[in-house]
Amino acid sequence: MDVSIVVPLYNERDNLAPLHRELDQVMRKIGGSWEILFVDDGSSDGSLEVLRGIRAADDHVRVLRLARNSGQTAALTCGLHRASGETVVALDGDGENDPADIPRLIEKLGQGFDLVSGWRTGRWQDSRLTRRLPSIAANALISRMTGVTLHDYGCTLKAYRGDLARRLMLYGEMHRFVPAIAAEQGARIGELEVNFRPRRSGASKYGPGRIVRTILDLLTVRFLSGYSTRPIQVFGLIGLLMGTLGATWTAILVFEKVVLGEHLADRPALWLAVLLVVVGVQLVSLGLLGEMLARTYHESQGKPIYVIKEEF
């Protein structure tokens, strides 16, 4: 298979037929062999029935139905792992990503990149203060923390080399950090300006709660990319600093008590110094436990984050 198109979706009934028509037109122009994988993440609006009709009329289409709503990360991971193409392109099912950009992404991928990420330059032009500027700030923060500089981490439209797509392991809400996770595996990352279109139908699945999840997953990605195999260097360093500070402070207080004869019973400084020592020991111990868990994690079998209920 030359190209696999992966479309994770949830409750996008009215957007599926138009999107399929556009994808079919684009792929016929590209030529070669291709497949379109629709991954239904437990839709409840009749999307599955639409997909059955599309599959019956087009042999290039495959449908993967997840047993329950597992989230965009799980649906995307399922599609990437089940894709058989030498090149894999992923895009949203809401019609905001333009299939006409796919040939340009594939061409860019052929310039020596392992992953090419879309950059939606026309997004939120009418909401510069409320949405565009916060998005720019968020992408700058993610770029700085992960070390992979991109303008649009949230764009699903990406082209992958097939071997990279099939070995990516994503959890939580980490579909937003695919370039950073891929770069950790030695992938060369590129970026390409792509078109952005307002969704044709339906409502956005994103809400304010995703901000907190994104921040937590960003911290996870940063830790895993830099210290997943050496957690002692994070927790141990903090523990040593706190323990050293607590021990030094305790020694000063003991000197004041023994040599200078000062009373310590009514001074909270003593309790704080002892607390620093105890917390320091706990953090060093946590780092050692983390080392053992890291080895167990890397040597064990990974548990899939999705369950396929039906494939047709």
C-alpha atoms as a PDB file:
ATOM      1  CA  MET A   1       0.000   0.000   0.000  1.00  0.00           C
ATOM      2  CA  ASP A   2       1.429   3.388  -1.001  1.00  0.00           C
ATOM      3  CA  VAL A   3      -0.701   5.749   1.116  1.00  0.00           C
ATOM      4  CA  SER A   4      -3.000   5.247   4.079  1.00  0.00           C
ATOM      5  CA  ILE A   5      -5.368   8.038   5.139  1.00  0.00           C
ATOM      6  CA  VAL A   6      -6.389   7.848   8.806  1.00  0.00           C
ATOM      7  CA  VAL A   7      -9.510   9.728   9.946  1.00  0.00           C
ATOM      8  CA  PRO A   8     -10.350   9.527  13.672  1.00  0.00           C
ATOM      9  CA  LEU A   9     -13.902  10.716  14.292  1.00  0.00           C
ATOM     10  CA  TYR A  10     -16.628  11.044  16.903  1.00  0.00           C
ATOM     11  CA  ASN A  11     -20.193  12.093  16.042  1.00  0.00           C
ATOM     12  CA  GLU A  12     -19.417  13.566  12.606  1.00  0.00           C
ATOM     13  CA  ARG A  13     -22.336  12.050  10.670  1.00  0.00           C
ATOM     14  CA  ASP A  14     -22.996  14.989   8.355  1.00  0.00           C
ATOM     15  CA  ASN A  15     -19.313  15.634   7.600  1.00  0.00           C
ATOM     16  CA  LEU A  16     -18.331  12.123   6.541  1.00  0.00           C
ATOM     17  CA  ALA A  17     -19.787  11.880   3.029  1.00  0.00           C
ATOM     18  CA  PRO A  18     -18.373  15.260   1.844  1.00  0.00           C
ATOM     19  CA  LEU A  19     -14.991  14.433   3.382  1.00  0.00           C
ATOM     20  CA  HIS A  20     -14.921  11.023   1.691  1.00  0.00           C
ATOM     21  CA  ARG A  21     -15.694  12.586  -1.696  1.00  0.00           C
ATOM     22  CA  GLU A  22     -12.827  15.047  -1.301  1.00  0.00           C
ATOM     23  CA  LEU A  23     -10.409  12.357  -0.175  1.00  0.00           C
ATOM     24  CA  ASP A  24     -11.381  10.116  -3.081  1.00  0.00           C
ATOM     25  CA  GLN A  25     -10.813  12.932  -5.598  1.00  0.00           C
ATOM     26  CA  VAL A  26      -7.417  13.801  -4.142  1.00  0.00           C
ATOM     27  CA  MET A  27      -6.189  10.209  -3.963  1.00  0.00           C
ATOM     28  CA  ARG A  28      -7.260   9.470  -7.547  1.00  0.00           C
ATOM     29  CA  LYS A  29      -5.108  12.399  -8.700  1.00  0.00           C
ATOM     30  CA  ILE A  30      -2.149  11.132  -6.679  1.00  0.00           C
ATOM     31  CA  GLY A  31      -2.544   7.616  -8.072  1.00  0.00           C
ATOM     32  CA  GLY A  32      -0.920   4.436  -6.830  1.00  0.00           C
ATOM     33  CA  SER A  33      -2.556   2.273  -4.184  1.00  0.00           C
ATOM     34  CA  TRP A  34      -4.317   3.809  -1.218  1.00  0.00           C
ATOM     35  CA  GLU A  35      -6.713   3.131   1.627  1.00  0.00           C
ATOM     36  CA  ILE A  36      -8.891   5.351   3.805  1.00  0.00           C
ATOM     37  CA  LEU A  37      -9.273   4.239   7.426  1.00  0.00           C
ATOM     38  CA  PHE A  38     -12.180   5.774   9.305  1.00  0.00           C
ATOM     39  CA  VAL A  39     -11.828   5.133  13.049  1.00  0.00           C
ATOM     40  CA  ASP A  40     -15.203   5.575  14.746  1.00  0.00           C
ATOM     41  CA  ASP A  41     -14.564   6.421  18.391  1.00  0.00           C
ATOM     42  CA  GLY A  42     -17.921   5.172  19.692  1.00  0.00           C
ATOM     43  CA  SER A  43     -20.143   7.640  17.832  1.00  0.00           C
ATOM     44  CA  SER A  44     -23.801   7.795  18.854  1.00  0.00           C
ATOM     45  CA  ASP A  45     -25.237  10.081  16.162  1.00  0.00           C
ATOM     46  CA  GLY A  46     -25.538   7.612  13.300  1.00  0.00           C
ATOM     47  CA  SER A  47     -21.997   8.055  11.973  1.00  0.00           C
ATOM     48  CA  LEU A  48     -21.537   4.291  11.837  1.00  0.00           C
ATOM     49  CA  GLU A  49     -24.467   3.840   9.452  1.00  0.00           C
ATOM     50  CA  VAL A  50     -23.015   6.506   7.149  1.00  0.00           C
ATOM     51  CA  LEU A  51     -19.664   4.748   7.246  1.00  0.00           C
ATOM     52  CA  ARG A  52     -21.293   1.438   6.331  1.00  0.00           C
ATOM     53  CA  GLY A  53     -22.746   3.066   3.219  1.00  0.00           C
ATOM     54  CA  ILE A  54     -19.391   4.616   2.285  1.00  0.00           C
ATOM     55  CA  ARG A  55     -17.610   1.302   2.785  1.00  0.00           C
ATOM     56  CA  ALA A  56     -20.159  -0.550   0.626  1.00  0.00           C
ATOM     57  CA  ALA A  57     -19.564   1.870  -2.247  1.00  0.00           C
ATOM     58  CA  ASP A  58     -15.771   2.173  -2.047  1.00  0.00           C
ATOM     59  CA  ASP A  59     -13.319  -0.713  -1.723  1.00  0.00           C
ATOM     60  CA  HIS A  60     -10.566   1.693  -0.705  1.00  0.00           C
ATOM     61  CA  VAL A  61     -12.361   2.371   2.589  1.00  0.00           C
ATOM     62  CA  ARG A  62     -11.876   0.472   5.838  1.00  0.00           C
ATOM     63  CA  VAL A  63     -13.835   1.209   8.994  1.00  0.00           C
ATOM     64  CA  LEU A  64     -12.590   0.535  12.511  1.00  0.00           C
ATOM     65  CA  ARG A  65     -15.234   0.830  15.202  1.00  0.00           C
ATOM     66  CA  LEU A  66     -13.990   1.161  18.768  1.00  0.00           C
ATOM     67  CA  ALA A  67     -15.932  -0.573  21.533  1.00  0.00           C
ATOM     68  CA  ARG A  68     -16.432   2.680  23.419  1.00  0.00           C
ATOM     69  CA  ASN A  69     -15.551   6.349  23.290  1.00  0.00           C
ATOM     70  CA  SER A  70     -11.848   6.204  24.172  1.00  0.00           C
ATOM     71  CA  GLY A  71     -10.761   9.698  23.092  1.00  0.00           C
ATOM     72  CA  GLN A  72      -9.005  11.181  20.093  1.00  0.00           C
ATOM     73  CA  THR A  73      -5.587   9.901  21.117  1.00  0.00           C
ATOM     74  CA  ALA A  74      -6.809   6.299  21.239  1.00  0.00           C
ATOM     75  CA  ALA A  75      -8.668   6.604  17.920  1.00  0.00           C
ATOM     76  CA  LEU A  76      -5.649   8.155  16.203  1.00  0.00           C
ATOM     77  CA  THR A  77      -3.302   5.518  17.638  1.00  0.00           C
ATOM     78  CA  CYS A  78      -5.615   2.743  16.467  1.00  0.00           C
ATOM     79  CA  GLY A  79      -5.633   4.125  12.932  1.00  0.00           C
ATOM     80  CA  LEU A  80      -1.870   4.640  12.810  1.00  0.00           C
ATOM     81  CA  HIS A  81      -1.179   1.123  14.032  1.00  0.00           C
ATOM     82  CA  ARG A  82      -3.625  -0.491  11.601  1.00  0.00           C
ATOM     83  CA  ALA A  83      -2.507   1.521   8.569  1.00  0.00           C
ATOM     84  CA  SER A  84      -0.502  -0.465   6.035  1.00  0.00           C
ATOM     85  CA  GLY A  85       0.759   2.339   3.795  1.00  0.00           C
ATOM     86  CA  GLU A  86       4.383   3.329   3.283  1.00  0.00           C
ATOM     87  CA  THR A  87       3.091   6.836   3.899  1.00  0.00           C
ATOM     88  CA  VAL A  88       0.361   7.577   6.450  1.00  0.00           C
ATOM     89  CA  VAL A  89      -1.625  10.817   6.499  1.00  0.00           C
ATOM     90  CA  ALA A  90      -3.932  11.659   9.416  1.00  0.00           C
ATOM     91  CA  LEU A  91      -6.618  14.345   9.436  1.00  0.00           C
ATOM     92  CA  ASP A  92      -9.709  15.254  11.457  1.00  0.00           C
ATOM     93  CA  GLY A  93     -13.162  14.053  10.476  1.00  0.00           C
ATOM     94  CA  ASP A  94     -14.845  17.435  10.910  1.00  0.00           C
ATOM     95  CA  GLY A  95     -13.772  18.861   7.542  1.00  0.00           C
ATOM     96  CA  GLU A  96     -11.539  21.585   9.007  1.00  0.00           C
ATOM     97  CA  ASN A  97      -8.456  19.987   7.438  1.00  0.00           C
ATOM     98  CA  ASP A  98      -8.331  20.349   3.653  1.00  0.00           C
ATOM     99  CA  PRO A  99      -7.614  17.075   1.786  1.00  0.00           C
ATOM    100  CA  ALA A 100      -6.163  19.180  -1.043  1.00  0.00           C
ATOM    101  CA  ASP A 101      -3.098  19.702   1.160  1.00  0.00           C
ATOM    102  CA  ILE A 102      -2.287  15.975   1.225  1.00  0.00           C
ATOM    103  CA  PRO A 103      -0.145  15.929  -1.974  1.00  0.00           C
ATOM    104  CA  ARG A 104       1.982  18.803  -0.653  1.00  0.00           C
ATOM    105  CA  LEU A 105       2.480  17.046   2.686  1.00  0.00           C
ATOM    106  CA  ILE A 106       3.559  13.840   0.932  1.00  0.00           C
ATOM    107  CA  GLU A 107       5.924  15.797  -1.306  1.00  0.00           C
ATOM    108  CA  LYS A 108       7.465  17.510   1.739  1.00  0.00           C
ATOM    109  CA  LEU A 109       7.814  14.143   3.460  1.00  0.00           C
ATOM    110  CA  GLY A 110       9.864  12.946   0.493  1.00  0.00           C
ATOM    111  CA  GLN A 111      12.454  15.646   1.166  1.00  0.00           C
ATOM    112  CA  GLY A 112      14.018  13.585   3.944  1.00  0.00           C
ATOM    113  CA  PHE A 113      11.514  14.070   6.746  1.00  0.00           C
ATOM    114  CA  ASP A 114       9.925  11.352   8.855  1.00  0.00           C
ATOM    115  CA  LEU A 115       6.928  13.464   9.905  1.00  0.00           C
ATOM    116  CA  VAL A 116       5.497  16.634   8.376  1.00  0.00           C
ATOM    117  CA  SER A 117       3.040  18.572  10.521  1.00  0.00           C
ATOM    118  CA  GLY A 118       0.446  21.006   9.232  1.00  0.00           C
ATOM    119  CA  TRP A 119       0.455  24.674  10.253  1.00  0.00           C
ATOM    120  CA  ARG A 120      -3.010  26.261  10.046  1.00  0.00           C
ATOM    121  CA  THR A 121      -1.975  29.866   9.361  1.00  0.00           C
ATOM    122  CA  GLY A 122      -5.528  31.038   8.664  1.00  0.00           C
ATOM    123  CA  ARG A 123      -7.023  29.770  11.916  1.00  0.00           C
ATOM    124  CA  TRP A 124      -8.847  32.190  14.237  1.00  0.00           C
ATOM    125  CA  GLN A 125      -8.020  35.315  12.257  1.00  0.00           C
ATOM    126  CA  ASP A 126     -11.213  36.898  13.573  1.00  0.00           C
ATOM    127  CA  SER A 127     -10.460  36.058  17.217  1.00  0.00           C
ATOM    128  CA  ARG A 128      -6.916  37.308  17.619  1.00  0.00           C
ATOM    129  CA  LEU A 129      -7.117  38.278  21.274  1.00  0.00           C
ATOM    130  CA  THR A 130      -9.348  35.522  22.640  1.00  0.00           C
ATOM    131  CA  ARG A 131      -8.044  32.503  20.726  1.00  0.00           C
ATOM    132  CA  ARG A 132      -5.188  33.228  18.301  1.00  0.00           C
ATOM    133  CA  LEU A 133      -2.782  34.875  20.763  1.00  0.00           C
ATOM    134  CA  PRO A 134      -3.351  32.225  23.484  1.00  0.00           C
ATOM    135  CA  SER A 135      -2.737  29.564  20.826  1.00  0.00           C
ATOM    136  CA  ILE A 136       0.520  31.212  19.780  1.00  0.00           C
ATOM    137  CA  ALA A 137       1.632  31.421  23.407  1.00  0.00           C
ATOM    138  CA  ALA A 138       0.711  27.775  24.055  1.00  0.00           C
ATOM    139  CA  ASN A 139       2.589  26.542  21.004  1.00  0.00           C
ATOM    140  CA  ALA A 140       5.627  28.612  21.975  1.00  0.00           C
ATOM    141  CA  LEU A 141       5.551  27.084  25.471  1.00  0.00           C
ATOM    142  CA  ILE A 142       5.219  23.544  24.134  1.00  0.00           C
ATOM    143  CA  SER A 143       8.033  24.147  21.640  1.00  0.00           C
ATOM    144  CA  ARG A 144      10.326  25.431  24.364  1.00  0.00           C
ATOM    145  CA  MET A 145       9.571  22.607  26.798  1.00  0.00           C
ATOM    146  CA  THR A 146       9.818  19.802  24.255  1.00  0.00           C
ATOM    147  CA  GLY A 147      12.682  21.208  22.185  1.00  0.00           C
ATOM    148  CA  VAL A 148      10.733  20.695  18.926  1.00  0.00           C
ATOM    149  CA  THR A 149       9.787  24.071  17.469  1.00  0.00           C
ATOM    150  CA  LEU A 150       6.439  24.105  15.659  1.00  0.00           C
ATOM    151  CA  HIS A 151       3.785  26.778  15.142  1.00  0.00           C
ATOM    152  CA  ASP A 152       0.739  24.493  15.444  1.00  0.00           C
ATOM    153  CA  TYR A 153       0.962  21.447  17.695  1.00  0.00           C
ATOM    154  CA  GLY A 154      -2.813  21.009  17.645  1.00  0.00           C
ATOM    155  CA  CYS A 155      -3.120  20.297  13.915  1.00  0.00           C
ATOM    156  CA  THR A 156      -4.103  16.679  13.279  1.00  0.00           C
ATOM    157  CA  LEU A 157      -3.213  16.945   9.581  1.00  0.00           C
ATOM    158  CA  LYS A 158       0.189  15.266   9.413  1.00  0.00           C
ATOM    159  CA  ALA A 159       2.086  12.975   7.072  1.00  0.00           C
ATOM    160  CA  TYR A 160       4.142  10.146   8.583  1.00  0.00           C
ATOM    161  CA  ARG A 161       6.498   7.544   7.284  1.00  0.00           C
ATOM    162  CA  GLY A 162       4.644   4.277   7.761  1.00  0.00           C
ATOM    163  CA  ASP A 163       7.206   2.639  10.032  1.00  0.00           C
ATOM    164  CA  LEU A 164       7.170   5.658  12.352  1.00  0.00           C
ATOM    165  CA  ALA A 165       3.362   5.797  12.464  1.00  0.00           C
ATOM    166  CA  ARG A 166       3.072   2.129  13.393  1.00  0.00           C
ATOM    167  CA  ARG A 167       5.509   2.305  16.303  1.00  0.00           C
ATOM    168  CA  LEU A 168       4.180   5.453  17.986  1.00  0.00           C
ATOM    169  CA  MET A 169       2.656   4.776  21.399  1.00  0.00           C
ATOM    170  CA  LEU A 170       0.307   7.520  22.583  1.00  0.00           C
ATOM    171  CA  TYR A 171      -1.620   7.828  25.833  1.00  0.00           C
ATOM    172  CA  GLY A 172      -3.892  10.337  27.559  1.00  0.00           C
ATOM    173  CA  GLU A 173      -4.245  13.435  25.368  1.00  0.00           C
ATOM    174  CA  MET A 174      -0.821  13.058  23.786  1.00  0.00           C
ATOM    175  CA  HIS A 175      -1.996  13.262  20.186  1.00  0.00           C
ATOM    176  CA  ARG A 176      -1.155  16.958  20.558  1.00  0.00           C
ATOM    177  CA  PHE A 177       2.503  16.124  21.173  1.00  0.00           C
ATOM    178  CA  VAL A 178       3.096  13.593  18.400  1.00  0.00           C
ATOM    179  CA  PRO A 179       5.989  15.587  16.847  1.00  0.00           C
ATOM    180  CA  ALA A 180       7.817  15.769  20.183  1.00  0.00           C
ATOM    181  CA  ILE A 181       7.271  12.054  20.842  1.00  0.00           C
ATOM    182  CA  ALA A 182       8.433  11.204  17.320  1.00  0.00           C
ATOM    183  CA  ALA A 183      11.510  13.413  17.675  1.00  0.00           C
ATOM    184  CA  GLU A 184      12.449  11.519  20.825  1.00  0.00           C
ATOM    185  CA  GLN A 185      12.628   8.417  18.614  1.00  0.00           C
ATOM    186  CA  GLY A 186      15.035  10.143  16.249  1.00  0.00           C
ATOM    187  CA  ALA A 187      12.477  11.291  13.666  1.00  0.00           C
ATOM    188  CA  ARG A 188      13.202  14.348  11.530  1.00  0.00           C
ATOM    189  CA  ILE A 189      10.277  16.761  11.848  1.00  0.00           C
ATOM    190  CA  GLY A 190       9.075  19.223   9.199  1.00  0.00           C
ATOM    191  CA  GLU A 191       6.246  21.757   9.051  1.00  0.00           C
ATOM    192  CA  LEU A 192       4.096  22.966   6.177  1.00  0.00           C
ATOM    193  CA  GLU A 193       1.474  25.700   5.942  1.00  0.00           C
ATOM    194  CA  VAL A 194      -1.957  24.200   5.285  1.00  0.00           C
ATOM    195  CA  ASN A 195      -5.447  25.488   4.698  1.00  0.00           C
ATOM    196  CA  PHE A 196      -7.986  25.837   7.497  1.00  0.00           C
ATOM    197  CA  ARG A 197     -11.749  25.658   6.941  1.00  0.00           C
ATOM    198  CA  PRO A 198     -14.597  26.134   9.405  1.00  0.00           C
ATOM    199  CA  ARG A 199     -16.404  22.878  10.166  1.00  0.00           C
ATOM    200  CA  ARG A 200     -19.399  22.244   7.929  1.00  0.00           C
ATOM    201  CA  SER A 201     -21.661  20.734  10.553  1.00  0.00           C
ATOM    202  CA  GLY A 202     -21.765  19.667  14.173  1.00  0.00           C
ATOM    203  CA  ALA A 203     -20.107  21.125  17.233  1.00  0.00           C
ATOM    204  CA  SER A 204     -16.512  21.142  18.387  1.00  0.00           C
ATOM    205  CA  LYS A 205     -15.614  18.391  20.860  1.00  0.00           C
ATOM    206  CA  TYR A 206     -13.105  20.584  22.678  1.00  0.00           C
ATOM    207  CA  GLY A 207     -13.886  22.435  25.907  1.00  0.00           C
ATOM    208  CA  PRO A 208     -12.095  24.396  28.636  1.00  0.00           C
ATOM    209  CA  GLY A 209     -11.185  21.165  30.416  1.00  0.00           C
ATOM    210  CA  ARG A 210      -8.672  20.301  27.714  1.00  0.00           C
ATOM    211  CA  ILE A 211      -6.366  23.108  28.924  1.00  0.00           C
ATOM    212  CA  VAL A 212      -5.690  21.332  32.211  1.00  0.00           C
ATOM    213  CA  ARG A 213      -5.258  17.973  30.451  1.00  0.00           C
ATOM    214  CA  THR A 214      -2.876  19.537  27.949  1.00  0.00           C
ATOM    215  CA  ILE A 215      -0.711  21.044  30.682  1.00  0.00           C
ATOM    216  CA  LEU A 216      -0.520  17.764  32.576  1.00  0.00           C
ATOM    217  CA  ASP A 217       0.301  15.805  29.433  1.00  0.00           C
ATOM    218  CA  LEU A 218       2.931  18.397  28.495  1.00  0.00           C
ATOM    219  CA  LEU A 219       4.647  17.798  31.828  1.00  0.00           C
ATOM    220  CA  THR A 220       4.435  14.054  31.184  1.00  0.00           C
ATOM    221  CA  VAL A 221       5.933  14.383  27.703  1.00  0.00           C
ATOM    222  CA  ARG A 222       8.731  16.596  29.016  1.00  0.00           C
ATOM    223  CA  PHE A 223       9.551  14.107  31.748  1.00  0.00           C
ATOM    224  CA  LEU A 224       9.357  11.059  29.493  1.00  0.00           C
ATOM    225  CA  SER A 225      11.429  12.679  26.745  1.00  0.00           C
ATOM    226  CA  GLY A 226      14.208  13.707  29.094  1.00  0.00           C
ATOM    227  CA  TYR A 227      14.139  11.547  32.206  1.00  0.00           C
ATOM    228  CA  SER A 228      11.993   8.463  31.608  1.00  0.00           C
ATOM    229  CA  THR A 229      15.051   6.206  31.853  1.00  0.00           C
ATOM    230  CA  ARG A 230      16.751   8.213  34.619  1.00  0.00           C
ATOM    231  CA  PRO A 231      14.111   9.504  37.078  1.00  0.00           C
ATOM    232  CA  ILE A 232      16.685   9.509  39.885  1.00  0.00           C
ATOM    233  CA  GLN A 233      18.253  12.569  38.245  1.00  0.00           C
ATOM    234  CA  VAL A 234      15.047  14.535  38.791  1.00  0.00           C
ATOM    235  CA  PHE A 235      13.766  13.327  42.142  1.00  0.00           C
ATOM    236  CA  GLY A 236      17.234  12.556  43.492  1.00  0.00           C
ATOM    237  CA  LEU A 237      18.559  16.039  42.717  1.00  0.00           C
ATOM    238  CA  ILE A 238      15.595  17.768  44.364  1.00  0.00           C
ATOM    239  CA  GLY A 239      15.816  15.385  47.312  1.00  0.00           C
ATOM    240  CA  LEU A 240      19.531  16.006  47.794  1.00  0.00           C
ATOM    241  CA  LEU A 241      19.061  19.772  47.678  1.00  0.00           C
ATOM    242  CA  MET A 242      16.216  19.699  50.208  1.00  0.00           C
ATOM    243  CA  GLY A 243      17.978  17.155  52.411  1.00  0.00           C
ATOM    244  CA  THR A 244      21.218  19.135  52.402  1.00  0.00           C
ATOM    245  CA  LEU A 245      19.377  22.341  53.231  1.00  0.00           C
ATOM    246  CA  GLY A 246      17.465  20.636  56.042  1.00  0.00           C
ATOM    247  CA  ALA A 247      20.577  18.973  57.474  1.00  0.00           C
ATOM    248  CA  THR A 248      22.529  22.235  57.397  1.00  0.00           C
ATOM    249  CA  TRP A 249      19.683  24.119  59.040  1.00  0.00           C
ATOM    250  CA  THR A 250      19.340  21.407  61.681  1.00  0.00           C
ATOM    251  CA  ALA A 251      23.056  21.571  62.422  1.00  0.00           C
ATOM    252  CA  ILE A 252      22.840  25.354  62.916  1.00  0.00           C
ATOM    253  CA  LEU A 253      19.905  24.958  65.272  1.00  0.00           C
ATOM    254  CA  VAL A 254      21.740  22.262  67.260  1.00  0.00           C
ATOM    255  CA  PHE A 255      24.752  24.562  67.532  1.00  0.00           C
ATOM    256  CA  GLU A 256      22.512  27.341  68.847  1.00  0.00           C
ATOM    257  CA  LYS A 257      21.023  24.963  71.408  1.00  0.00           C
ATOM    258  CA  VAL A 258      24.223  23.295  72.621  1.00  0.00           C
ATOM    259  CA  VAL A 259      26.716  26.135  72.386  1.00  0.00           C
ATOM    260  CA  LEU A 260      24.630  29.261  72.714  1.00  0.00           C
ATOM    261  CA  GLY A 261      22.002  27.802  75.017  1.00  0.00           C
ATOM    262  CA  GLU A 262      19.021  29.079  73.024  1.00  0.00           C
ATOM    263  CA  HIS A 263      15.596  27.465  73.371  1.00  0.00           C
ATOM    264  CA  LEU A 264      14.260  25.612  70.318  1.00  0.00           C
ATOM    265  CA  ALA A 265      11.023  24.099  71.609  1.00  0.00           C
ATOM    266  CA  ASP A 266       8.926  27.132  70.674  1.00  0.00           C
ATOM    267  CA  ARG A 267      10.597  27.760  67.299  1.00  0.00           C
ATOM    268  CA  PRO A 268       8.922  26.417  64.121  1.00  0.00           C
ATOM    269  CA  ALA A 269      12.303  26.529  62.376  1.00  0.00           C
ATOM    270  CA  LEU A 270      13.267  23.230  63.996  1.00  0.00           C
ATOM    271  CA  TRP A 271      10.217  21.445  62.635  1.00  0.00           C
ATOM    272  CA  LEU A 272      10.775  22.912  59.172  1.00  0.00           C
ATOM    273  CA  ALA A 273      14.411  21.811  59.134  1.00  0.00           C
ATOM    274  CA  VAL A 274      13.494  18.262  60.158  1.00  0.00           C
ATOM    275  CA  LEU A 275      10.706  18.238  57.542  1.00  0.00           C
ATOM    276  CA  LEU A 276      13.192  19.183  54.819  1.00  0.00           C
ATOM    277  CA  VAL A 277      15.425  16.281  55.796  1.00  0.00           C
ATOM    278  CA  VAL A 278      12.524  13.817  55.796  1.00  0.00           C
ATOM    279  CA  VAL A 279      11.153  15.052  52.448  1.00  0.00           C
ATOM    280  CA  GLY A 280      14.640  14.933  50.959  1.00  0.00           C
ATOM    281  CA  VAL A 281      15.022  11.280  51.959  1.00  0.00           C
ATOM    282  CA  GLN A 282      11.565  10.504  50.548  1.00  0.00           C
ATOM    283  CA  LEU A 283      12.352  12.132  47.195  1.00  0.00           C
ATOM    284  CA  VAL A 284      15.614  10.225  46.846  1.00  0.00           C
ATOM    285  CA  SER A 285      13.716   7.031  47.661  1.00  0.00           C
ATOM    286  CA  LEU A 286      11.062   7.987  45.089  1.00  0.00           C
ATOM    287  CA  GLY A 287      13.803   8.430  42.496  1.00  0.00           C
ATOM    288  CA  LEU A 288      15.172   4.960  43.226  1.00  0.00           C
ATOM    289  CA  LEU A 289      11.701   3.438  42.983  1.00  0.00           C
ATOM    290  CA  GLY A 290      11.234   5.344  39.726  1.00  0.00           C
ATOM    291  CA  GLU A 291      14.413   3.763  38.359  1.00  0.00           C
ATOM    292  CA  MET A 292      13.039   0.299  39.063  1.00  0.00           C
ATOM    293  CA  LEU A 293       9.630   1.159  37.586  1.00  0.00           C
ATOM    294  CA  ALA A 294      11.272   2.609  34.468  1.00  0.00           C
ATOM    295  CA  ARG A 295      13.097  -0.641  33.876  1.00  0.00           C
ATOM    296  CA  THR A 296       9.898  -2.612  34.401  1.00  0.00           C
ATOM    297  CA  TYR A 297       8.031  -0.301  32.018  1.00  0.00           C
ATOM    298  CA  HIS A 298      10.558  -0.599  29.219  1.00  0.00           C
ATOM    299  CA  GLU A 299      10.861  -4.370  29.550  1.00  0.00           C
ATOM    300  CA  SER A 300       7.160  -5.191  29.810  1.00  0.00           C
ATOM    301  CA  GLN A 301       4.480  -5.624  27.157  1.00  0.00           C
ATOM    302  CA  GLY A 302       2.445  -2.515  26.432  1.00  0.00           C
ATOM    303  CA  LYS A 303      -1.302  -2.685  27.050  1.00  0.00           C
ATOM    304  CA  PRO A 304      -3.367  -1.249  24.155  1.00  0.00           C
ATOM    305  CA  ILE A 305      -5.411   1.850  24.929  1.00  0.00           C
ATOM    306  CA  TYR A 306      -8.222   0.907  22.559  1.00  0.00           C
ATOM    307  CA  VAL A 307     -10.422  -2.110  21.839  1.00  0.00           C
ATOM    308  CA  ILE A 308     -11.719  -2.711  18.325  1.00  0.00           C
ATOM    309  CA  LYS A 309     -15.284  -3.972  18.419  1.00  0.00           C
ATOM    310  CA  GLU A 310     -15.813  -4.289  14.671  1.00  0.00           C
ATOM    311  CA  GLU A 311     -13.889  -3.949  11.435  1.00  0.00           C
ATOM    312  CA  PHE A 312     -15.367  -3.971   7.952  1.00  0.00           C
END
